[in-house]
Amino acid sequence: MWLKRLATDRVARGSRAPADAPLVVVEPIKSALRLAAVNDAAERLGLTAGMALADARAMYPHLMAVDADRDADADLLGTIADDADRYTPLVAVDGADGLMLDITGCAHLFGGEVALARDLARRLNGHGLTVRIAVADTVGGAWAVARHGASSIVPPGGLDQALPPLPVAALRPAPGIADTLAQTGLRRIGDVVPLPRAALAARFGTDFVTRLDQAFGRADEPISPRLPLPAYVVEQPFAEPIALERDVLGTIGRLAVRLARLLEQRGEGARVLQATLFRTDGTVCRIRLGTSTPLADPAAMARLFVDRLAAVGDDCDPGFGFDIVRLSALAAEHRDAVQASLMASDRTDLAHLVDRLGARFGLNQVTMAVAQDTHIPEFAVADIPAHAAATRPSAVSGLAFPPAAQDCVAPGRPIRLFDRPEPVEAIAEVPDGPPARFRWRHLLYEIAAAEGPERIAMEWWRDDAGQALTRDYFRVESREGVRVWLYREGLYGRETAQPRWFVHGLFG
């Protein structure tokens, strides 16, 4: 698909100038403003891309000229590519003004290749875009016919007749090769085909021979889709567009039933779901969400999109309505059958809660505190994404601390643990004993009761300086009733001559 007038069509769509008025798009090239694109009316006047604007204005003083905007052109091409997803999920961008669509296995859904090409051209022409569409067996053949051929549809096996009359430039050779061949009288593809391939490769490089083979189908040329190919896809087209939210959600619910059947057949569940809403004006709205566990329940899928659509709001404006609704599983994983039990029910409910929160706020925004395999207090619990933690037994049971701490009569860890221990000034009656008083945040506290020590040897690899000092923790209560968790860093006389004291948390 070649959008020859993409730049001028973009300008004309937002301009009130007559459609048949000459229009050019200019940009600075080699210290001079030159024509980067011209419309049909300007081309009929003899204006071509590359001409200096001063020369064009000398011929036509009232010529309408607009500065080039490559970013706007790329955005428009992306919008067109989004709309082309209605025909096939394999859509690739081809340069700055073209698209490649792999319609293998999709054309029959639209009445055949001719009907598909006609419908695509009708849609783009209706949006004020000039397009040339070609259908062929190969990517190179379709590219050549779209830009240089007369017929748009090449029948299967017809490239041997369609390509030879075309110019050598239709093979997409490296710059300069087509001109060099023309100087020797080789202007058409048919003039190059009979030549010895070894001589062509030696003179013009192997890339030129590869392009020739790709055009005729003797070498593969895959396209690179701009979007990942979904693992499962179901869709529903409409003869009349729908615009009401309940109709969209009802359609997604019915598509979820069909998608669940496909997933069940392979024993898989969806991990990333996407609803794609194709608007009649070519705008596409994509609603994506993730799941904490492989999901194959259609009711749960539909419920997630209810929450997600409520969060999206006006970002998915129906406009004049949607004429296609598509539901895709972008990623799927093996799903084991779950034995019905109290624990399984809890895990299922937790996963569903995580999914619903993730649908509203984003799956990575929902975190859960999970106990870690370490005895260092500040690393004993970690906040990790809930969709990764929901399947862990420790997360489901709600353990926030190691089991040993749960068995203590007194709390093994304070209710509030600081992110970073705060230094204090402390005085102890004996070097290795509990503190008698300490100064914290400019206030002096006298110790009324103390319990400890609880000795924790630090992990040496956590200290960048290579000094992993032992900690002695004390649970102390001041005469004012302040209960804190203090520790002394370093063993007196063995690890350091002057141990330091820190407050690590507060008890209730």
Protein backbone atom coordinates (compact mmCIF):
# COMPACT_ATOMS: atom_id res chain seq x y z
CA MET A 1 0.00 0.00 0.00
CA TRP A 2 1.60 3.24 -1.20
CA LEU A 3 0.41 6.61 0.11
CA LYS A 4 2.08 8.70 -2.57
CA ARG A 5 0.49 12.00 -1.45
CA LEU A 6 0.66 11.39 2.30
CA ALA A 7 2.23 14.77 3.19
CA THR A 8 0.00 16.88 0.92
CA ASP A 9 -3.11 14.88 1.82
CA ARG A 10 -2.42 15.53 5.51
CA VAL A 11 -2.21 19.27 4.87
CA ALA A 12 -5.26 19.30 2.61
CA ARG A 13 -7.40 17.51 5.23
CA GLY A 14 -6.89 20.41 7.62
CA SER A 15 -7.07 23.16 5.01
CA ARG A 16 -10.01 25.02 3.52
CA ALA A 17 -8.28 25.48 0.16
CA PRO A 18 -10.01 23.97 -2.91
CA ALA A 19 -9.19 20.32 -3.48
CA ASP A 20 -7.89 21.03 -7.01
CA ALA A 21 -5.58 23.88 -5.90
CA PRO A 22 -1.83 23.26 -6.37
CA LEU A 23 -0.14 22.47 -3.05
CA VAL A 24 3.48 21.73 -2.21
CA VAL A 25 5.30 20.77 0.98
CA VAL A 26 8.78 22.27 1.36
CA GLU A 27 11.78 21.60 3.58
CA PRO A 28 15.37 22.95 3.72
CA ILE A 29 17.78 20.81 1.68
CA LYS A 30 21.37 21.95 1.14
CA SER A 31 20.72 25.51 2.37
CA ALA A 32 17.71 25.98 0.09
CA LEU A 33 13.98 25.38 0.40
CA ARG A 34 13.00 22.58 -1.95
CA LEU A 35 9.78 20.75 -2.71
CA ALA A 36 9.51 17.62 -0.60
CA ALA A 37 6.05 16.62 -1.85
CA VAL A 38 3.49 17.85 -4.38
CA ASN A 39 -0.18 17.07 -4.89
CA ASP A 40 -1.79 15.97 -8.15
CA ALA A 41 -2.67 19.53 -9.20
CA ALA A 42 0.92 20.70 -8.68
CA GLU A 43 2.29 17.72 -10.57
CA ARG A 44 0.08 18.53 -13.54
CA LEU A 45 1.71 21.96 -13.61
CA GLY A 46 5.10 20.32 -14.01
CA LEU A 47 6.28 20.68 -10.41
CA THR A 48 8.25 17.76 -8.98
CA ALA A 49 9.85 16.83 -5.68
CA GLY A 50 13.37 18.21 -5.37
CA MET A 51 12.67 21.43 -7.27
CA ALA A 52 13.70 24.66 -5.57
CA LEU A 53 10.81 26.64 -4.13
CA ALA A 54 12.19 29.83 -5.70
CA ASP A 55 11.93 28.26 -9.17
CA ALA A 56 8.42 27.01 -8.50
CA ARG A 57 7.31 30.43 -7.22
CA ALA A 58 8.86 32.08 -10.26
CA MET A 59 6.59 29.94 -12.44
CA TYR A 60 3.51 30.18 -10.18
CA PRO A 61 3.69 33.15 -7.78
CA HIS A 62 0.52 32.21 -5.88
CA LEU A 63 1.60 28.62 -5.24
CA MET A 64 0.54 27.41 -1.78
CA ALA A 65 3.57 26.08 0.13
CA VAL A 66 3.57 24.48 3.61
CA ASP A 67 6.55 23.50 5.75
CA ALA A 68 7.17 19.77 6.04
CA ASP A 69 6.33 18.03 9.31
CA ARG A 70 7.80 14.55 9.32
CA ASP A 71 6.47 13.76 12.81
CA ALA A 72 2.91 14.61 11.78
CA ASP A 73 3.30 12.45 8.67
CA ALA A 74 4.54 9.55 10.81
CA ASP A 75 1.62 9.96 13.21
CA LEU A 76 -0.85 9.89 10.33
CA LEU A 77 0.82 6.79 8.89
CA GLY A 78 0.56 5.14 12.31
CA THR A 79 -3.15 5.97 12.46
CA ILE A 80 -3.65 4.43 9.03
CA ALA A 81 -1.72 1.35 10.14
CA ASP A 82 -3.97 1.04 13.19
CA ASP A 83 -7.03 1.14 10.96
CA ALA A 84 -5.47 -1.48 8.66
CA ASP A 85 -5.34 -3.89 11.61
CA ARG A 86 -9.01 -4.60 10.89
CA TYR A 87 -7.89 -6.59 7.83
CA THR A 88 -4.91 -8.47 9.29
CA PRO A 89 -2.83 -8.36 12.49
CA LEU A 90 0.35 -8.44 10.38
CA VAL A 91 0.85 -4.79 9.41
CA ALA A 92 4.33 -3.37 8.88
CA VAL A 93 5.46 0.17 8.12
CA ASP A 94 7.26 0.46 4.77
CA GLY A 95 9.33 3.63 4.71
CA ALA A 96 7.76 7.02 5.28
CA ASP A 97 4.77 6.58 2.96
CA GLY A 98 3.88 2.90 2.73
CA LEU A 99 2.45 -0.08 4.58
CA MET A 100 2.84 -3.82 4.09
CA LEU A 101 -0.09 -6.10 4.95
CA ASP A 102 0.25 -9.88 5.08
CA ILE A 103 -3.30 -10.97 4.21
CA THR A 104 -2.52 -14.69 3.99
CA GLY A 105 -5.55 -16.52 5.35
CA CYS A 106 -7.49 -13.26 5.88
CA ALA A 107 -8.67 -12.26 2.41
CA HIS A 108 -11.59 -14.73 2.34
CA LEU A 109 -13.10 -12.98 5.37
CA PHE A 110 -13.65 -9.90 3.20
CA GLY A 111 -14.79 -11.63 0.03
CA GLY A 112 -11.39 -12.24 -1.54
CA GLU A 113 -8.30 -10.21 -2.38
CA VAL A 114 -10.06 -7.94 -4.87
CA ALA A 115 -12.85 -7.10 -2.44
CA LEU A 116 -10.39 -6.50 0.40
CA ALA A 117 -8.27 -4.14 -1.70
CA ARG A 118 -11.38 -2.31 -2.93
CA ASP A 119 -12.74 -1.91 0.61
CA LEU A 120 -9.38 -0.65 1.92
CA ALA A 121 -9.07 1.87 -0.92
CA ARG A 122 -12.65 3.04 -0.36
CA ARG A 123 -12.01 3.66 3.33
CA LEU A 124 -8.81 5.62 2.75
CA ASN A 125 -10.27 7.64 -0.11
CA GLY A 126 -13.19 8.48 2.13
CA HIS A 127 -10.75 10.00 4.60
CA GLY A 128 -9.19 12.18 1.89
CA LEU A 129 -6.12 10.00 1.28
CA THR A 130 -4.67 9.00 -2.08
CA VAL A 131 -3.52 5.37 -2.12
CA ARG A 132 -2.28 2.75 -4.54
CA ILE A 133 -2.83 -0.84 -3.44
CA ALA A 134 -1.26 -3.91 -4.97
CA VAL A 135 -1.72 -7.57 -4.07
CA ALA A 136 0.94 -10.09 -5.08
CA ASP A 137 2.55 -13.34 -3.96
CA THR A 138 5.67 -11.62 -2.58
CA VAL A 139 6.50 -8.48 -0.65
CA GLY A 140 8.88 -7.28 -3.34
CA GLY A 141 6.35 -7.98 -6.09
CA ALA A 142 3.60 -6.06 -4.33
CA TRP A 143 5.96 -3.13 -3.69
CA ALA A 144 7.00 -2.99 -7.33
CA VAL A 145 3.47 -3.18 -8.71
CA ALA A 146 2.08 -0.61 -6.26
CA ARG A 147 4.68 2.01 -7.20
CA HIS A 148 5.41 1.22 -10.83
CA GLY A 149 2.75 -1.11 -12.18
CA ALA A 150 -0.52 -0.52 -13.98
CA SER A 151 -2.56 -3.37 -12.50
CA SER A 152 -3.22 -3.60 -8.78
CA ILE A 153 -3.97 -7.31 -8.45
CA VAL A 154 -1.41 -9.85 -9.61
CA PRO A 155 -2.97 -13.33 -9.84
CA PRO A 156 -1.19 -16.22 -8.10
CA GLY A 157 1.87 -17.18 -10.14
CA GLY A 158 1.56 -14.05 -12.29
CA LEU A 159 4.74 -12.24 -11.22
CA ASP A 160 6.67 -13.68 -14.17
CA GLN A 161 4.42 -11.63 -16.45
CA ALA A 162 3.83 -8.59 -14.21
CA LEU A 163 7.41 -7.72 -13.21
CA PRO A 164 9.54 -7.84 -16.44
CA PRO A 165 7.94 -4.67 -17.99
CA LEU A 166 8.62 -2.61 -14.84
CA PRO A 167 11.71 -0.40 -14.42
CA VAL A 168 14.74 -1.69 -12.51
CA ALA A 169 13.97 0.83 -9.72
CA ALA A 170 10.98 -1.36 -8.84
CA LEU A 171 13.42 -3.90 -7.37
CA ARG A 172 14.38 -1.45 -4.59
CA PRO A 173 18.09 -1.46 -5.50
CA ALA A 174 20.74 0.54 -3.68
CA PRO A 175 21.08 4.18 -4.80
CA GLY A 176 22.83 4.57 -8.13
CA ILE A 177 22.40 1.01 -9.37
CA ALA A 178 19.31 1.76 -11.49
CA ASP A 179 21.07 4.70 -13.18
CA THR A 180 24.19 2.63 -13.85
CA LEU A 181 22.11 -0.14 -15.44
CA ALA A 182 20.19 2.41 -17.53
CA GLN A 183 23.45 3.73 -18.97
CA THR A 184 24.16 0.24 -20.31
CA GLY A 185 20.68 -0.07 -21.80
CA LEU A 186 19.24 -2.26 -19.00
CA ARG A 187 16.18 -0.26 -18.00
CA ARG A 188 13.58 -2.97 -17.36
CA ILE A 189 13.52 -5.88 -14.96
CA GLY A 190 13.10 -8.17 -17.96
CA ASP A 191 16.47 -6.95 -19.27
CA VAL A 192 18.21 -8.00 -16.04
CA VAL A 193 16.61 -11.41 -15.45
CA PRO A 194 18.47 -13.31 -18.23
CA LEU A 195 21.91 -12.02 -17.19
CA PRO A 196 24.34 -14.34 -15.36
CA ARG A 197 23.77 -14.04 -11.66
CA ALA A 198 27.45 -14.31 -10.76
CA ALA A 199 28.25 -11.34 -12.97
CA LEU A 200 25.38 -9.29 -11.45
CA ALA A 201 26.56 -10.09 -7.93
CA ALA A 202 30.16 -9.23 -8.77
CA ARG A 203 29.23 -5.91 -10.39
CA PHE A 204 26.33 -4.70 -8.25
CA GLY A 205 26.59 -6.74 -5.03
CA THR A 206 24.70 -9.67 -3.61
CA ASP A 207 21.98 -7.40 -2.20
CA PHE A 208 20.82 -6.57 -5.72
CA VAL A 209 20.57 -10.25 -6.62
CA THR A 210 18.72 -10.91 -3.36
CA ARG A 211 16.18 -8.18 -4.20
CA LEU A 212 15.66 -9.81 -7.58
CA ASP A 213 15.07 -13.22 -5.99
CA GLN A 214 12.73 -11.77 -3.36
CA ALA A 215 10.60 -10.06 -5.98
CA PHE A 216 10.08 -13.32 -7.90
CA GLY A 217 9.62 -15.44 -4.79
CA ARG A 218 12.89 -17.34 -5.00
CA ALA A 219 14.01 -15.94 -1.62
CA ASP A 220 11.97 -15.29 1.51
CA GLU A 221 11.27 -11.74 2.66
CA PRO A 222 9.37 -11.65 5.95
CA ILE A 223 7.82 -8.43 7.19
CA SER A 224 8.27 -7.04 10.69
CA PRO A 225 4.82 -6.31 12.16
CA ARG A 226 4.59 -3.09 14.13
CA LEU A 227 2.54 -4.86 16.82
CA PRO A 228 3.11 -8.32 18.35
CA LEU A 229 1.01 -11.13 16.92
CA PRO A 230 -1.67 -12.20 19.45
CA ALA A 231 -1.75 -15.79 20.62
CA TYR A 232 -5.57 -15.91 20.30
CA VAL A 233 -7.95 -13.55 18.49
CA VAL A 234 -11.73 -13.35 18.23
CA GLU A 235 -13.68 -10.45 16.77
CA GLN A 236 -17.17 -9.24 15.96
CA PRO A 237 -17.92 -6.93 12.99
CA PHE A 238 -21.13 -4.88 12.85
CA ALA A 239 -23.22 -3.82 9.88
CA GLU A 240 -24.23 -0.73 11.90
CA PRO A 241 -21.74 0.88 14.33
CA ILE A 242 -22.32 0.63 18.07
CA ALA A 243 -21.62 3.53 20.43
CA LEU A 244 -23.16 2.67 23.81
CA GLU A 245 -20.92 1.41 26.59
CA ARG A 246 -23.29 -1.42 27.45
CA ASP A 247 -23.19 -2.64 23.86
CA VAL A 248 -19.40 -2.60 23.84
CA LEU A 249 -19.18 -4.45 27.16
CA GLY A 250 -21.84 -6.93 26.06
CA THR A 251 -19.87 -7.65 22.90
CA ILE A 252 -16.66 -8.12 24.88
CA GLY A 253 -18.52 -10.53 27.16
CA ARG A 254 -19.67 -12.65 24.21
CA LEU A 255 -16.21 -12.58 22.68
CA ALA A 256 -14.77 -13.67 26.04
CA VAL A 257 -16.88 -16.85 25.86
CA ARG A 258 -15.43 -17.64 22.43
CA LEU A 259 -11.91 -16.81 23.57
CA ALA A 260 -12.29 -19.02 26.65
CA ARG A 261 -13.22 -21.98 24.42
CA LEU A 262 -10.05 -21.55 22.39
CA LEU A 263 -7.96 -21.32 25.56
CA GLU A 264 -9.63 -24.41 27.07
CA GLN A 265 -8.86 -26.47 23.98
CA ARG A 266 -5.13 -26.05 24.63
CA GLY A 267 -5.27 -25.98 28.41
CA GLU A 268 -4.04 -22.40 28.57
CA GLY A 269 -5.06 -19.16 30.22
CA ALA A 270 -4.62 -15.54 29.17
CA ARG A 271 -2.00 -13.42 30.93
CA VAL A 272 -2.39 -10.27 28.81
CA LEU A 273 -5.78 -9.36 27.32
CA GLN A 274 -6.53 -6.59 24.85
CA ALA A 275 -9.81 -5.27 23.51
CA THR A 276 -9.42 -3.37 20.23
CA LEU A 277 -12.24 -1.05 19.20
CA PHE A 278 -12.20 0.08 15.55
CA ARG A 279 -14.01 3.36 15.03
CA THR A 280 -15.71 4.16 11.74
CA ASP A 281 -13.44 7.17 11.14
CA GLY A 282 -10.29 5.03 11.28
CA THR A 283 -9.36 5.74 14.91
CA VAL A 284 -8.50 2.66 16.96
CA CYS A 285 -8.84 2.35 20.73
CA ARG A 286 -6.85 -0.39 22.46
CA ILE A 287 -7.65 -1.41 26.04
CA ARG A 288 -5.00 -3.69 27.52
CA LEU A 289 -4.84 -5.36 30.91
CA GLY A 290 -2.83 -8.09 32.59
CA THR A 291 -3.79 -10.95 34.89
CA SER A 292 -1.99 -12.33 37.93
CA THR A 293 -2.68 -15.94 36.94
CA PRO A 294 -3.56 -17.64 33.62
CA LEU A 295 -7.23 -16.73 33.15
CA ALA A 296 -9.80 -18.68 31.14
CA ASP A 297 -13.02 -17.64 32.91
CA PRO A 298 -15.10 -15.54 30.48
CA ALA A 299 -17.09 -13.89 33.28
CA ALA A 300 -13.88 -12.78 35.00
CA MET A 301 -12.50 -11.45 31.70
CA ALA A 302 -15.64 -9.42 31.07
CA ARG A 303 -15.60 -8.04 34.63
CA LEU A 304 -12.00 -6.86 34.23
CA PHE A 305 -12.91 -4.89 31.13
CA VAL A 306 -15.80 -3.27 33.00
CA ASP A 307 -13.30 -1.94 35.54
CA ARG A 308 -10.73 -1.04 32.90
CA LEU A 309 -13.21 0.81 30.68
CA ALA A 310 -14.35 2.81 33.71
CA ALA A 311 -10.72 3.83 34.31
CA VAL A 312 -10.11 4.70 30.64
CA GLY A 313 -13.15 6.98 30.47
CA ASP A 314 -13.18 9.56 27.69
CA ASP A 315 -9.84 8.36 26.29
CA CYS A 316 -11.87 5.80 24.34
CA ASP A 317 -14.51 8.11 22.86
CA PRO A 318 -16.83 6.16 20.49
CA GLY A 319 -17.31 9.11 18.12
CA PHE A 320 -19.65 7.90 15.39
CA GLY A 321 -19.42 4.36 16.71
CA PHE A 322 -17.33 1.19 16.49
CA ASP A 323 -17.82 -1.17 13.58
CA ILE A 324 -15.43 -3.92 14.78
CA VAL A 325 -14.68 -5.14 18.31
CA ARG A 326 -11.75 -7.53 18.72
CA LEU A 327 -10.66 -9.43 21.82
CA SER A 328 -7.12 -10.82 21.88
CA ALA A 329 -4.95 -12.80 24.25
CA LEU A 330 -1.56 -11.24 23.61
CA ALA A 331 0.14 -13.70 25.96
CA ALA A 332 -1.03 -17.05 27.27
CA GLU A 333 0.41 -19.65 29.62
CA HIS A 334 -0.32 -23.23 30.58
CA ARG A 335 -3.09 -23.39 33.16
CA ASP A 336 -3.28 -26.26 35.63
CA ALA A 337 -6.62 -27.46 36.91
CA VAL A 338 -7.17 -26.23 40.48
CA GLN A 339 -8.49 -28.59 43.13
CA ALA A 340 -11.54 -27.08 44.84
CA SER A 341 -10.64 -26.38 48.46
CA LEU A 342 -10.64 -23.58 51.00
CA MET A 343 -7.04 -22.65 50.16
CA ALA A 344 -7.70 -22.74 46.41
CA SER A 345 -10.73 -20.53 46.89
CA ASP A 346 -8.66 -18.02 48.84
CA ARG A 347 -6.00 -17.94 46.15
CA THR A 348 -8.59 -17.55 43.42
CA ASP A 349 -10.29 -14.68 45.26
CA LEU A 350 -6.94 -12.98 45.85
CA ALA A 351 -5.94 -13.31 42.19
CA HIS A 352 -9.30 -11.88 41.10
CA LEU A 353 -8.90 -8.95 43.51
CA VAL A 354 -5.40 -8.25 42.18
CA ASP A 355 -6.69 -8.39 38.60
CA ARG A 356 -9.53 -5.94 39.31
CA LEU A 357 -7.24 -3.49 41.08
CA GLY A 358 -4.73 -3.87 38.27
CA ALA A 359 -7.41 -3.16 35.68
CA ARG A 360 -8.15 0.18 37.30
CA PHE A 361 -4.70 1.34 38.39
CA GLY A 362 -2.27 -0.74 36.32
CA LEU A 363 -1.05 -4.19 37.26
CA ASN A 364 2.43 -3.04 38.27
CA GLN A 365 0.96 -0.38 40.57
CA VAL A 366 -0.58 -3.02 42.87
CA THR A 367 2.07 -4.38 45.24
CA MET A 368 2.10 -6.85 48.11
CA ALA A 369 4.42 -7.29 51.09
CA VAL A 370 6.02 -10.73 50.93
CA ALA A 371 8.38 -12.32 53.44
CA GLN A 372 11.91 -12.90 52.14
CA ASP A 373 14.42 -15.61 53.03
CA THR A 374 16.68 -13.42 55.18
CA HIS A 375 17.05 -12.53 58.85
CA ILE A 376 18.12 -8.90 58.20
CA PRO A 377 15.15 -6.80 59.43
CA GLU A 378 15.11 -4.20 56.66
CA PHE A 379 15.22 -6.91 54.00
CA ALA A 380 12.84 -9.41 55.64
CA VAL A 381 9.83 -8.05 53.72
CA ALA A 382 9.78 -6.80 50.14
CA ASP A 383 7.09 -5.03 48.15
CA ILE A 384 6.76 -6.84 44.84
CA PRO A 385 4.09 -6.59 42.12
CA ALA A 386 0.98 -8.33 43.38
CA HIS A 387 0.46 -10.27 40.16
CA ALA A 388 3.80 -12.01 40.82
CA ALA A 389 3.11 -12.48 44.54
CA ALA A 390 -0.47 -13.70 44.29
CA THR A 391 0.57 -17.26 43.47
CA ARG A 392 2.97 -17.56 46.42
CA PRO A 393 1.63 -19.46 49.43
CA SER A 394 3.28 -17.06 51.88
CA ALA A 395 1.56 -14.13 50.22
CA VAL A 396 -1.81 -15.84 50.29
CA SER A 397 -1.57 -16.71 53.97
CA GLY A 398 -0.74 -13.09 54.79
CA LEU A 399 2.64 -13.68 56.43
CA ALA A 400 4.42 -10.37 56.85
CA PHE A 401 7.27 -11.70 59.03
CA PRO A 402 9.17 -14.96 59.39
CA PRO A 403 7.26 -17.70 61.23
CA ALA A 404 9.60 -17.53 64.23
CA ALA A 405 8.49 -13.98 64.93
CA GLN A 406 4.84 -15.04 64.85
CA ASP A 407 5.38 -17.62 67.60
CA CYS A 408 6.77 -15.11 70.14
CA VAL A 409 4.50 -13.94 72.94
CA ALA A 410 6.01 -10.44 72.69
CA PRO A 411 6.20 -8.92 69.22
CA GLY A 412 9.41 -10.00 67.55
CA ARG A 413 9.46 -6.96 65.32
CA PRO A 414 8.09 -3.47 65.90
CA ILE A 415 4.83 -2.37 64.35
CA ARG A 416 6.61 0.45 62.55
CA LEU A 417 9.99 -0.32 61.03
CA PHE A 418 11.92 2.65 59.65
CA ASP A 419 13.12 2.53 56.05
CA ARG A 420 16.54 3.56 57.34
CA PRO A 421 17.75 3.23 60.96
CA GLU A 422 18.17 6.62 62.65
CA PRO A 423 21.37 7.27 64.62
CA VAL A 424 21.07 8.08 68.34
CA GLU A 425 23.41 8.92 71.22
CA ALA A 426 23.25 6.17 73.86
CA ILE A 427 25.01 5.44 77.16
CA ALA A 428 25.24 1.89 78.55
CA GLU A 429 26.25 0.84 82.08
CA VAL A 430 28.53 -1.89 80.65
CA PRO A 431 29.96 -1.95 77.10
CA ASP A 432 27.90 -4.96 76.00
CA GLY A 433 24.81 -4.21 78.08
CA PRO A 434 21.54 -2.44 77.26
CA PRO A 435 21.49 1.35 77.13
CA ALA A 436 20.71 3.34 80.25
CA ARG A 437 19.63 6.46 78.39
CA PHE A 438 19.63 7.67 74.77
CA ARG A 439 19.10 10.94 72.91
CA TRP A 440 16.94 10.74 69.81
CA ARG A 441 15.69 13.67 67.74
CA HIS A 442 17.12 16.13 70.28
CA LEU A 443 15.18 14.55 73.20
CA LEU A 444 16.75 12.63 76.08
CA TYR A 445 15.05 9.39 77.22
CA GLU A 446 15.75 7.49 80.45
CA ILE A 447 15.40 3.70 80.12
CA ALA A 448 12.84 2.14 82.50
CA ALA A 449 12.94 -1.43 81.12
CA ALA A 450 15.00 -3.24 78.52
CA GLU A 451 14.92 -6.69 76.94
CA GLY A 452 17.68 -8.24 74.87
CA PRO A 453 20.04 -8.50 73.23
CA GLU A 454 18.93 -10.25 70.05
CA ARG A 455 22.15 -10.70 68.11
CA ILE A 456 22.03 -10.60 64.30
CA ALA A 457 25.17 -11.21 62.29
CA MET A 458 25.06 -9.19 59.09
CA GLU A 459 25.49 -10.70 55.64
CA TRP A 460 28.89 -9.62 54.38
CA TRP A 461 27.83 -9.26 50.74
CA ARG A 462 25.34 -6.51 51.59
CA ASP A 463 28.09 -4.11 52.69
CA ASP A 464 29.87 -2.35 49.82
CA ALA A 465 32.73 -1.36 52.11
CA GLY A 466 33.36 -4.94 53.21
CA GLN A 467 32.51 -4.19 56.87
CA ALA A 468 29.61 -6.32 58.02
CA LEU A 469 29.23 -5.43 61.70
CA THR A 470 27.19 -7.49 64.12
CA ARG A 471 24.02 -5.95 65.54
CA ASP A 472 22.69 -6.35 69.10
CA TYR A 473 18.98 -5.40 69.23
CA PHE A 474 17.19 -4.28 72.43
CA ARG A 475 13.51 -3.67 73.06
CA VAL A 476 13.46 -0.76 75.50
CA GLU A 477 10.81 1.38 77.16
CA SER A 478 11.51 4.85 78.48
CA ARG A 479 10.02 6.37 81.61
CA GLU A 480 7.74 8.44 79.33
CA GLY A 481 6.32 5.23 77.84
CA VAL A 482 8.15 5.39 74.50
CA ARG A 483 8.90 1.84 73.32
CA VAL A 484 11.58 1.59 70.64
CA TRP A 485 13.75 -1.00 68.97
CA LEU A 486 17.41 -0.06 69.44
CA TYR A 487 20.51 -1.78 68.21
CA ARG A 488 24.23 -1.42 68.78
CA GLU A 489 26.33 -1.81 65.63
CA GLY A 490 29.62 -3.60 66.16
CA LEU A 491 30.93 -5.75 69.01
CA TYR A 492 32.90 -3.65 71.49
CA GLY A 493 36.63 -4.43 71.41
CA ARG A 494 36.36 -7.09 68.69
CA GLU A 495 34.80 -5.38 65.67
CA THR A 496 35.10 -1.71 66.59
CA ALA A 497 36.44 0.46 69.39
CA GLN A 498 33.43 2.77 69.35
CA PRO A 499 30.09 1.04 68.59
CA ARG A 500 27.27 3.16 67.24
CA TRP A 501 23.61 3.09 68.26
CA PHE A 502 20.52 3.31 66.06
CA VAL A 503 16.73 3.34 66.41
CA HIS A 504 15.21 0.92 63.93
CA GLY A 505 11.52 0.97 64.82
CA LEU A 506 8.68 1.78 67.21
CA PHE A 507 6.39 -0.56 69.14
CA GLY A 508 2.74 0.24 69.68
